[in-house]
């Protein structure tokens, strides 16, 4: 629990030094660590070691959102059409 208090105090201290609120800082941290996790999973996806279903379960996102990330980063993938 003391580690959590240290983290909170650091965030509060950073918020006082910058023009950001504590919530904005936490959102930026969340985005940073999410992107880091996505990049790790994309490396495994490219090598064929991890499937889309496993990645979406790890990241807690929908497959549609994952495919949008693949298209944004211009990574080849199969496109399935519903017909």
PDB file of N, CA and C in Angstrom:
ATOM      1  N   UNK A   1       0.824  -1.194   0.000  1.00  0.00           N
ATOM      2  CA  UNK A   1       0.000   0.000   0.000  1.00  0.00           C
ATOM      3  C   UNK A   1       0.866   1.256   0.000  1.00  0.00           C
ATOM      4  N   UNK A   2       2.047   1.197   0.580  1.00  0.00           N
ATOM      5  CA  UNK A   2       2.911   2.376   0.613  1.00  0.00           C
ATOM      6  C   UNK A   2       3.376   2.755  -0.798  1.00  0.00           C
ATOM      7  N   UNK A   3       3.552   1.762  -1.668  1.00  0.00           N
ATOM      8  CA  UNK A   3       3.928   2.056  -3.053  1.00  0.00           C
ATOM      9  C   UNK A   3       2.838   2.856  -3.753  1.00  0.00           C
ATOM     10  N   UNK A   4       1.590   2.517  -3.476  1.00  0.00           N
ATOM     11  CA  UNK A   4       0.473   3.233  -4.066  1.00  0.00           C
ATOM     12  C   UNK A   4       0.460   4.691  -3.597  1.00  0.00           C
ATOM     13  N   UNK A   5       0.751   4.901  -2.333  1.00  0.00           N
ATOM     14  CA  UNK A   5       0.799   6.264  -1.801  1.00  0.00           C
ATOM     15  C   UNK A   5       1.925   7.061  -2.459  1.00  0.00           C
ATOM     16  N   UNK A   6       3.043   6.401  -2.713  1.00  0.00           N
ATOM     17  CA  UNK A   6       4.164   7.060  -3.389  1.00  0.00           C
ATOM     18  C   UNK A   6       3.784   7.455  -4.814  1.00  0.00           C
ATOM     19  N   UNK A   7       3.107   6.569  -5.494  1.00  0.00           N
ATOM     20  CA  UNK A   7       2.682   6.846  -6.865  1.00  0.00           C
ATOM     21  C   UNK A   7       1.698   8.012  -6.872  1.00  0.00           C
ATOM     22  N   UNK A   8       0.742   7.981  -5.949  1.00  0.00           N
ATOM     23  CA  UNK A   8      -0.231   9.072  -5.861  1.00  0.00           C
ATOM     24  C   UNK A   8       0.455  10.403  -5.591  1.00  0.00           C
ATOM     25  N   UNK A   9       1.410  10.410  -4.684  1.00  0.00           N
ATOM     26  CA  UNK A   9       2.094  11.665  -4.359  1.00  0.00           C
ATOM     27  C   UNK A   9       2.916  12.163  -5.547  1.00  0.00           C
ATOM     28  N   UNK A  10       3.526  11.251  -6.300  1.00  0.00           N
ATOM     29  CA  UNK A  10       4.284  11.645  -7.490  1.00  0.00           C
ATOM     30  C   UNK A  10       3.363  12.235  -8.551  1.00  0.00           C
ATOM     31  N   UNK A  11       2.195  11.633  -8.733  1.00  0.00           N
ATOM     32  CA  UNK A  11       1.236  12.153  -9.709  1.00  0.00           C
ATOM     33  C   UNK A  11       0.745  13.534  -9.286  1.00  0.00           C
ATOM     34  N   UNK A  12       0.456  13.696  -8.007  1.00  0.00           N
ATOM     35  CA  UNK A  12       0.010  14.996  -7.503  1.00  0.00           C
ATOM     36  C   UNK A  12       1.100  16.047  -7.657  1.00  0.00           C
ATOM     37  N   UNK A  13       2.319  15.649  -7.383  1.00  0.00           N
ATOM     38  CA  UNK A  13       3.449  16.565  -7.520  1.00  0.00           C
ATOM     39  C   UNK A  13       3.630  16.973  -8.991  1.00  0.00           C
ATOM     40  N   UNK A  14       3.532  16.011  -9.889  1.00  0.00           N
ATOM     41  CA  UNK A  14       3.665  16.301 -11.319  1.00  0.00           C
ATOM     42  C   UNK A  14       2.521  17.192 -11.791  1.00  0.00           C
ATOM     43  N   UNK A  15       1.318  16.949 -11.271  1.00  0.00           N
ATOM     44  CA  UNK A  15       0.157  17.761 -11.652  1.00  0.00           C
ATOM     45  C   UNK A  15       0.349  19.205 -11.205  1.00  0.00           C
ATOM     46  N   UNK A  16       0.944  19.412 -10.041  1.00  0.00           N
ATOM     47  CA  UNK A  16       1.190  20.770  -9.564  1.00  0.00           C
ATOM     48  C   UNK A  16       2.230  21.475 -10.424  1.00  0.00           C
ATOM     49  N   UNK A  17       3.225  20.722 -10.916  1.00  0.00           N
ATOM     50  CA  UNK A  17       4.296  21.305 -11.736  1.00  0.00           C
ATOM     51  C   UNK A  17       3.851  21.575 -13.170  1.00  0.00           C
ATOM     52  N   UNK A  18       2.905  20.787 -13.663  1.00  0.00           N
ATOM     53  CA  UNK A  18       2.461  20.951 -15.045  1.00  0.00           C
ATOM     54  C   UNK A  18       1.067  21.566 -15.059  1.00  0.00           C
ATOM     55  N   UNK A  19       0.559  21.787 -16.245  1.00  0.00           N
ATOM     56  CA  UNK A  19      -0.788  22.347 -16.388  1.00  0.00           C
ATOM     57  C   UNK A  19      -1.838  21.257 -16.554  1.00  0.00           C
ATOM     58  N   UNK A  20      -1.526  20.057 -16.153  1.00  0.00           N
ATOM     59  CA  UNK A  20      -2.431  18.928 -16.318  1.00  0.00           C
ATOM     60  C   UNK A  20      -3.092  18.566 -14.987  1.00  0.00           C
ATOM     61  N   UNK A  21      -4.269  17.947 -15.083  1.00  0.00           N
ATOM     62  CA  UNK A  21      -4.911  17.431 -13.880  1.00  0.00           C
ATOM     63  C   UNK A  21      -4.400  16.011 -13.635  1.00  0.00           C
ATOM     64  N   UNK A  22      -4.703  15.500 -12.463  1.00  0.00           N
ATOM     65  CA  UNK A  22      -4.284  14.133 -12.139  1.00  0.00           C
ATOM     66  C   UNK A  22      -4.910  13.132 -13.108  1.00  0.00           C
ATOM     67  N   UNK A  23      -6.167  13.370 -13.463  1.00  0.00           N
ATOM     68  CA  UNK A  23      -6.871  12.464 -14.368  1.00  0.00           C
ATOM     69  C   UNK A  23      -6.249  12.465 -15.758  1.00  0.00           C
ATOM     70  N   UNK A  24      -5.828  13.620 -16.247  1.00  0.00           N
ATOM     71  CA  UNK A  24      -5.174  13.693 -17.555  1.00  0.00           C
ATOM     72  C   UNK A  24      -3.849  12.941 -17.539  1.00  0.00           C
ATOM     73  N   UNK A  25      -3.131  13.023 -16.440  1.00  0.00           N
ATOM     74  CA  UNK A  25      -1.856  12.316 -16.312  1.00  0.00           C
ATOM     75  C   UNK A  25      -2.086  10.817 -16.343  1.00  0.00           C
ATOM     76  N   UNK A  26      -3.101  10.363 -15.603  1.00  0.00           N
ATOM     77  CA  UNK A  26      -3.404   8.934 -15.562  1.00  0.00           C
ATOM     78  C   UNK A  26      -3.839   8.448 -16.945  1.00  0.00           C
ATOM     79  N   UNK A  27      -4.612   9.248 -17.676  1.00  0.00           N
ATOM     80  CA  UNK A  27      -5.028   8.869 -19.027  1.00  0.00           C
ATOM     81  C   UNK A  27      -3.838   8.748 -19.963  1.00  0.00           C
ATOM     82  N   UNK A  28      -2.878   9.667 -19.839  1.00  0.00           N
ATOM     83  CA  UNK A  28      -1.676   9.581 -20.671  1.00  0.00           C
ATOM     84  C   UNK A  28      -0.864   8.340 -20.328  1.00  0.00           C
ATOM     85  N   UNK A  29      -0.770   8.019 -19.046  1.00  0.00           N
ATOM     86  CA  UNK A  29      -0.051   6.809 -18.638  1.00  0.00           C
ATOM     87  C   UNK A  29      -0.752   5.562 -19.162  1.00  0.00           C
ATOM     88  N   UNK A  30      -2.076   5.559 -19.085  1.00  0.00           N
ATOM     89  CA  UNK A  30      -2.836   4.413 -19.575  1.00  0.00           C
ATOM     90  C   UNK A  30      -2.616   4.234 -21.078  1.00  0.00           C
ATOM     91  N   UNK A  31      -2.651   5.318 -21.827  1.00  0.00           N
ATOM     92  CA  UNK A  31      -2.432   5.251 -23.273  1.00  0.00           C
ATOM     93  C   UNK A  31      -1.030   4.737 -23.575  1.00  0.00           C
ATOM     94  N   UNK A  32      -0.037   5.219 -22.826  1.00  0.00           N
ATOM     95  CA  UNK A  32       1.351   4.790 -23.038  1.00  0.00           C
ATOM     96  C   UNK A  32       1.505   3.290 -22.820  1.00  0.00           C
ATOM     97  N   UNK A  33       0.978   2.784 -21.710  1.00  0.00           N
ATOM     98  CA  UNK A  33       1.146   1.370 -21.405  1.00  0.00           C
ATOM     99  C   UNK A  33       0.282   0.487 -22.307  1.00  0.00           C
ATOM    100  N   UNK A  34      -0.871   0.995 -22.759  1.00  0.00           N
ATOM    101  CA  UNK A  34      -1.688   0.251 -23.708  1.00  0.00           C
ATOM    102  C   UNK A  34      -0.952   0.117 -25.033  1.00  0.00           C
ATOM    103  N   UNK A  35      -0.377   1.224 -25.521  1.00  0.00           N
ATOM    104  CA  UNK A  35       0.382   1.191 -26.769  1.00  0.00           C
ATOM    105  C   UNK A  35       1.585   0.256 -26.668  1.00  0.00           C
ATOM    106  N   UNK A  36       2.225   0.259 -25.514  1.00  0.00           N
ATOM    107  CA  UNK A  36       3.372  -0.631 -25.295  1.00  0.00           C
ATOM    108  C   UNK A  36       2.936  -2.096 -25.387  1.00  0.00           C
ATOM    109  N   UNK A  37       1.805  -2.417 -24.763  1.00  0.00           N
ATOM    110  CA  UNK A  37       1.284  -3.786 -24.794  1.00  0.00           C
ATOM    111  C   UNK A  37       0.843  -4.173 -26.208  1.00  0.00           C
ATOM    112  N   UNK A  38       0.251  -3.225 -26.936  1.00  0.00           N
ATOM    113  CA  UNK A  38      -0.161  -3.482 -28.316  1.00  0.00           C
ATOM    114  C   UNK A  38       1.057  -3.803 -29.172  1.00  0.00           C
ATOM    115  N   UNK A  39       2.114  -3.026 -29.038  1.00  0.00           N
ATOM    116  CA  UNK A  39       3.318  -3.253 -29.841  1.00  0.00           C
ATOM    117  C   UNK A  39       3.941  -4.610 -29.551  1.00  0.00           C
ATOM    118  N   UNK A  40       3.949  -5.023 -28.277  1.00  0.00           N
ATOM    119  CA  UNK A  40       4.472  -6.358 -27.939  1.00  0.00           C
ATOM    120  C   UNK A  40       3.646  -7.443 -28.629  1.00  0.00           C
ATOM    121  N   UNK A  41       2.320  -7.288 -28.579  1.00  0.00           N
ATOM    122  CA  UNK A  41       1.444  -8.289 -29.185  1.00  0.00           C
ATOM    123  C   UNK A  41       1.530  -8.271 -30.704  1.00  0.00           C
ATOM    124  N   UNK A  42       1.744  -7.109 -31.299  1.00  0.00           N
ATOM    125  CA  UNK A  42       1.872  -7.036 -32.756  1.00  0.00           C
ATOM    126  C   UNK A  42       3.115  -7.780 -33.240  1.00  0.00           C
ATOM    127  N   UNK A  43       4.182  -7.708 -32.469  1.00  0.00           N
ATOM    128  CA  UNK A  43       5.392  -8.457 -32.839  1.00  0.00           C
ATOM    129  C   UNK A  43       5.106  -9.950 -32.865  1.00  0.00           C
ATOM    130  N   UNK A  44       4.379 -10.423 -31.849  1.00  0.00           N
ATOM    131  CA  UNK A  44       4.034 -11.842 -31.800  1.00  0.00           C
ATOM    132  C   UNK A  44       3.058 -12.209 -32.916  1.00  0.00           C
ATOM    133  N   UNK A  45       2.142 -11.313 -33.248  1.00  0.00           N
ATOM    134  CA  UNK A  45       1.179 -11.556 -34.323  1.00  0.00           C
ATOM    135  C   UNK A  45       1.888 -11.683 -35.664  1.00  0.00           C
ATOM    136  N   UNK A  46       2.860 -10.796 -35.911  1.00  0.00           N
ATOM    137  CA  UNK A  46       3.602 -10.837 -37.169  1.00  0.00           C
ATOM    138  C   UNK A  46       4.361 -12.147 -37.319  1.00  0.00           C
ATOM    139  N   UNK A  47       4.899 -12.662 -36.218  1.00  0.00           N
ATOM    140  CA  UNK A  47       5.651 -13.914 -36.256  1.00  0.00           C
ATOM    141  C   UNK A  47       4.728 -15.126 -36.319  1.00  0.00           C
ATOM    142  N   UNK A  48       3.438 -14.922 -36.108  1.00  0.00           N
ATOM    143  CA  UNK A  48       2.477 -16.017 -36.135  1.00  0.00           C
ATOM    144  C   UNK A  48       2.420 -16.805 -34.846  1.00  0.00           C
ATOM    145  N   UNK A  49       2.929 -16.231 -33.765  1.00  0.00           N
ATOM    146  CA  UNK A  49       2.942 -16.936 -32.481  1.00  0.00           C
ATOM    147  C   UNK A  49       1.706 -16.663 -31.636  1.00  0.00           C
ATOM    148  N   UNK A  50       0.929 -15.659 -32.022  1.00  0.00           N
ATOM    149  CA  UNK A  50      -0.256 -15.313 -31.249  1.00  0.00           C
ATOM    150  C   UNK A  50      -1.407 -15.006 -32.193  1.00  0.00           C
ATOM    151  N   UNK A  51      -2.585 -15.523 -31.859  1.00  0.00           N
ATOM    152  CA  UNK A  51      -3.763 -15.331 -32.688  1.00  0.00           C
ATOM    153  C   UNK A  51      -4.516 -14.071 -32.268  1.00  0.00           C
ATOM    154  N   UNK A  52      -5.376 -13.613 -33.146  1.00  0.00           N
ATOM    155  CA  UNK A  52      -6.160 -12.407 -32.882  1.00  0.00           C
ATOM    156  C   UNK A  52      -7.018 -12.597 -31.631  1.00  0.00           C
ATOM    157  N   UNK A  53      -7.633 -13.751 -31.485  1.00  0.00           N
ATOM    158  CA  UNK A  53      -8.500 -13.978 -30.328  1.00  0.00           C
ATOM    159  C   UNK A  53      -7.727 -13.889 -29.021  1.00  0.00           C
ATOM    160  N   UNK A  54      -6.493 -14.390 -28.995  1.00  0.00           N
ATOM    161  CA  UNK A  54      -5.668 -14.308 -27.785  1.00  0.00           C
ATOM    162  C   UNK A  54      -5.276 -12.867 -27.479  1.00  0.00           C
ATOM    163  N   UNK A  55      -4.939 -12.144 -28.526  1.00  0.00           N
ATOM    164  CA  UNK A  55      -4.513 -10.745 -28.356  1.00  0.00           C
ATOM    165  C   UNK A  55      -5.669  -9.894 -27.859  1.00  0.00           C
ATOM    166  N   UNK A  56      -6.842 -10.066 -28.464  1.00  0.00           N
ATOM    167  CA  UNK A  56      -7.984  -9.252 -28.048  1.00  0.00           C
ATOM    168  C   UNK A  56      -8.405  -9.562 -26.620  1.00  0.00           C
ATOM    169  N   UNK A  57      -8.219 -10.812 -26.223  1.00  0.00           N
ATOM    170  CA  UNK A  57      -8.539 -11.181 -24.845  1.00  0.00           C
ATOM    171  C   UNK A  57      -7.533 -10.542 -23.879  1.00  0.00           C
ATOM    172  N   UNK A  58      -6.258 -10.540 -24.239  1.00  0.00           N
ATOM    173  CA  UNK A  58      -5.223  -9.922 -23.398  1.00  0.00           C
ATOM    174  C   UNK A  58      -5.417  -8.419 -23.263  1.00  0.00           C
ATOM    175  N   UNK A  59      -5.728  -7.770 -24.382  1.00  0.00           N
ATOM    176  CA  UNK A  59      -5.857  -6.314 -24.393  1.00  0.00           C
ATOM    177  C   UNK A  59      -7.243  -5.833 -23.981  1.00  0.00           C
ATOM    178  N   UNK A  60      -8.193  -6.770 -23.900  1.00  0.00           N
ATOM    179  CA  UNK A  60      -9.578  -6.452 -23.558  1.00  0.00           C
ATOM    180  C   UNK A  60     -10.176  -5.456 -24.552  1.00  0.00           C
ATOM    181  N   UNK A  61      -9.990  -5.769 -25.845  1.00  0.00           N
ATOM    182  CA  UNK A  61     -10.580  -4.959 -26.913  1.00  0.00           C
ATOM    183  C   UNK A  61     -11.310  -5.889 -27.874  1.00  0.00           C
ATOM    184  N   UNK A  62     -12.131  -5.309 -28.728  1.00  0.00           N
ATOM    185  CA  UNK A  62     -12.863  -6.108 -29.709  1.00  0.00           C
ATOM    186  C   UNK A  62     -11.959  -6.430 -30.894  1.00  0.00           C
ATOM    187  N   UNK A  63     -12.256  -7.517 -31.590  1.00  0.00           N
ATOM    188  CA  UNK A  63     -11.471  -7.842 -32.791  1.00  0.00           C
ATOM    189  C   UNK A  63     -11.527  -6.727 -33.829  1.00  0.00           C
ATOM    190  N   UNK A  64     -12.673  -6.072 -33.941  1.00  0.00           N
ATOM    191  CA  UNK A  64     -12.813  -4.975 -34.902  1.00  0.00           C
ATOM    192  C   UNK A  64     -11.829  -3.851 -34.581  1.00  0.00           C
ATOM    193  N   UNK A  65     -11.675  -3.552 -33.312  1.00  0.00           N
ATOM    194  CA  UNK A  65     -10.722  -2.505 -32.912  1.00  0.00           C
ATOM    195  C   UNK A  65      -9.290  -2.952 -33.195  1.00  0.00           C
ATOM    196  N   UNK A  66      -8.997  -4.236 -32.989  1.00  0.00           N
ATOM    197  CA  UNK A  66      -7.660  -4.748 -33.268  1.00  0.00           C
ATOM    198  C   UNK A  66      -7.343  -4.661 -34.754  1.00  0.00           C
ATOM    199  N   UNK A  67      -8.317  -5.023 -35.608  1.00  0.00           N
ATOM    200  CA  UNK A  67      -8.098  -4.920 -37.052  1.00  0.00           C
ATOM    201  C   UNK A  67      -7.907  -3.467 -37.476  1.00  0.00           C
ATOM    202  N   UNK A  68      -8.588  -2.542 -36.799  1.00  0.00           N
ATOM    203  CA  UNK A  68      -8.397  -1.120 -37.093  1.00  0.00           C
ATOM    204  C   UNK A  68      -6.969  -0.692 -36.744  1.00  0.00           C
ATOM    205  N   UNK A  69      -6.436  -1.234 -35.664  1.00  0.00           N
ATOM    206  CA  UNK A  69      -5.043  -0.951 -35.284  1.00  0.00           C
ATOM    207  C   UNK A  69      -4.095  -1.504 -36.339  1.00  0.00           C
ATOM    208  N   UNK A  70      -4.375  -2.716 -36.828  1.00  0.00           N
ATOM    209  CA  UNK A  70      -3.545  -3.319 -37.874  1.00  0.00           C
ATOM    210  C   UNK A  70      -3.555  -2.471 -39.136  1.00  0.00           C
ATOM    211  N   UNK A  71      -4.721  -1.992 -39.520  1.00  0.00           N
ATOM    212  CA  UNK A  71      -4.815  -1.154 -40.723  1.00  0.00           C
ATOM    213  C   UNK A  71      -4.107   0.178 -40.522  1.00  0.00           C
ATOM    214  N   UNK A  72      -4.225   0.735 -39.336  1.00  0.00           N
ATOM    215  CA  UNK A  72      -3.570   2.014 -39.040  1.00  0.00           C
ATOM    216  C   UNK A  72      -2.055   1.879 -39.131  1.00  0.00           C
ATOM    217  N   UNK A  73      -1.531   0.752 -38.668  1.00  0.00           N
ATOM    218  CA  UNK A  73      -0.086   0.517 -38.697  1.00  0.00           C
ATOM    219  C   UNK A  73       0.365  -0.148 -39.990  1.00  0.00           C
ATOM    220  N   UNK A  74      -0.572  -0.336 -40.922  1.00  0.00           N
ATOM    221  CA  UNK A  74      -0.303  -0.911 -42.245  1.00  0.00           C
ATOM    222  C   UNK A  74       0.348  -2.297 -42.153  1.00  0.00           C
ATOM    223  N   UNK A  75      -0.245  -3.148 -41.331  1.00  0.00           N
ATOM    224  CA  UNK A  75       0.212  -4.528 -41.169  1.00  0.00           C
ATOM    225  C   UNK A  75      -0.755  -5.427 -41.932  1.00  0.00           C
ATOM    226  N   UNK A  76      -0.204  -6.330 -42.736  1.00  0.00           N
ATOM    227  CA  UNK A  76      -1.033  -7.218 -43.534  1.00  0.00           C
ATOM    228  C   UNK A  76      -1.820  -8.173 -42.652  1.00  0.00           C
ATOM    229  N   UNK A  77      -3.080  -8.389 -43.044  1.00  0.00           N
ATOM    230  CA  UNK A  77      -3.925  -9.353 -42.365  1.00  0.00           C
ATOM    231  C   UNK A  77      -5.015  -9.791 -43.327  1.00  0.00           C
ATOM    232  N   UNK A  78      -5.643 -10.911 -43.014  1.00  0.00           N
ATOM    233  CA  UNK A  78      -6.725 -11.404 -43.850  1.00  0.00           C
ATOM    234  C   UNK A  78      -7.981 -10.590 -43.576  1.00  0.00           C
ATOM    235  N   UNK A  79      -8.704 -10.292 -44.627  1.00  0.00           N
ATOM    236  CA  UNK A  79      -9.956  -9.560 -44.483  1.00  0.00           C
ATOM    237  C   UNK A  79     -11.090 -10.539 -44.767  1.00  0.00           C
ATOM    238  N   UNK A  80     -11.939 -10.715 -43.770  1.00  0.00           N
ATOM    239  CA  UNK A  80     -13.074 -11.623 -43.911  1.00  0.00           C
ATOM    240  C   UNK A  80     -14.307 -10.794 -44.222  1.00  0.00           C
ATOM    241  N   UNK A  81     -15.015 -11.196 -45.297  1.00  0.00           N
ATOM    242  CA  UNK A  81     -16.240 -10.492 -45.661  1.00  0.00           C
ATOM    243  C   UNK A  81     -17.444 -11.327 -45.284  1.00  0.00           C
ATOM    244  N   UNK A  82     -18.400 -10.677 -44.650  1.00  0.00           N
ATOM    245  CA  UNK A  82     -19.641 -11.361 -44.301  1.00  0.00           C
ATOM    246  C   UNK A  82     -20.569 -11.290 -45.498  1.00  0.00           C
ATOM    247  N   UNK A  83     -20.962 -12.444 -46.019  1.00  0.00           N
ATOM    248  CA  UNK A  83     -21.902 -12.491 -47.141  1.00  0.00           C
ATOM    249  C   UNK A  83     -22.725 -13.742 -47.076  1.00  0.00           C
TER     250      UNK A  83
END
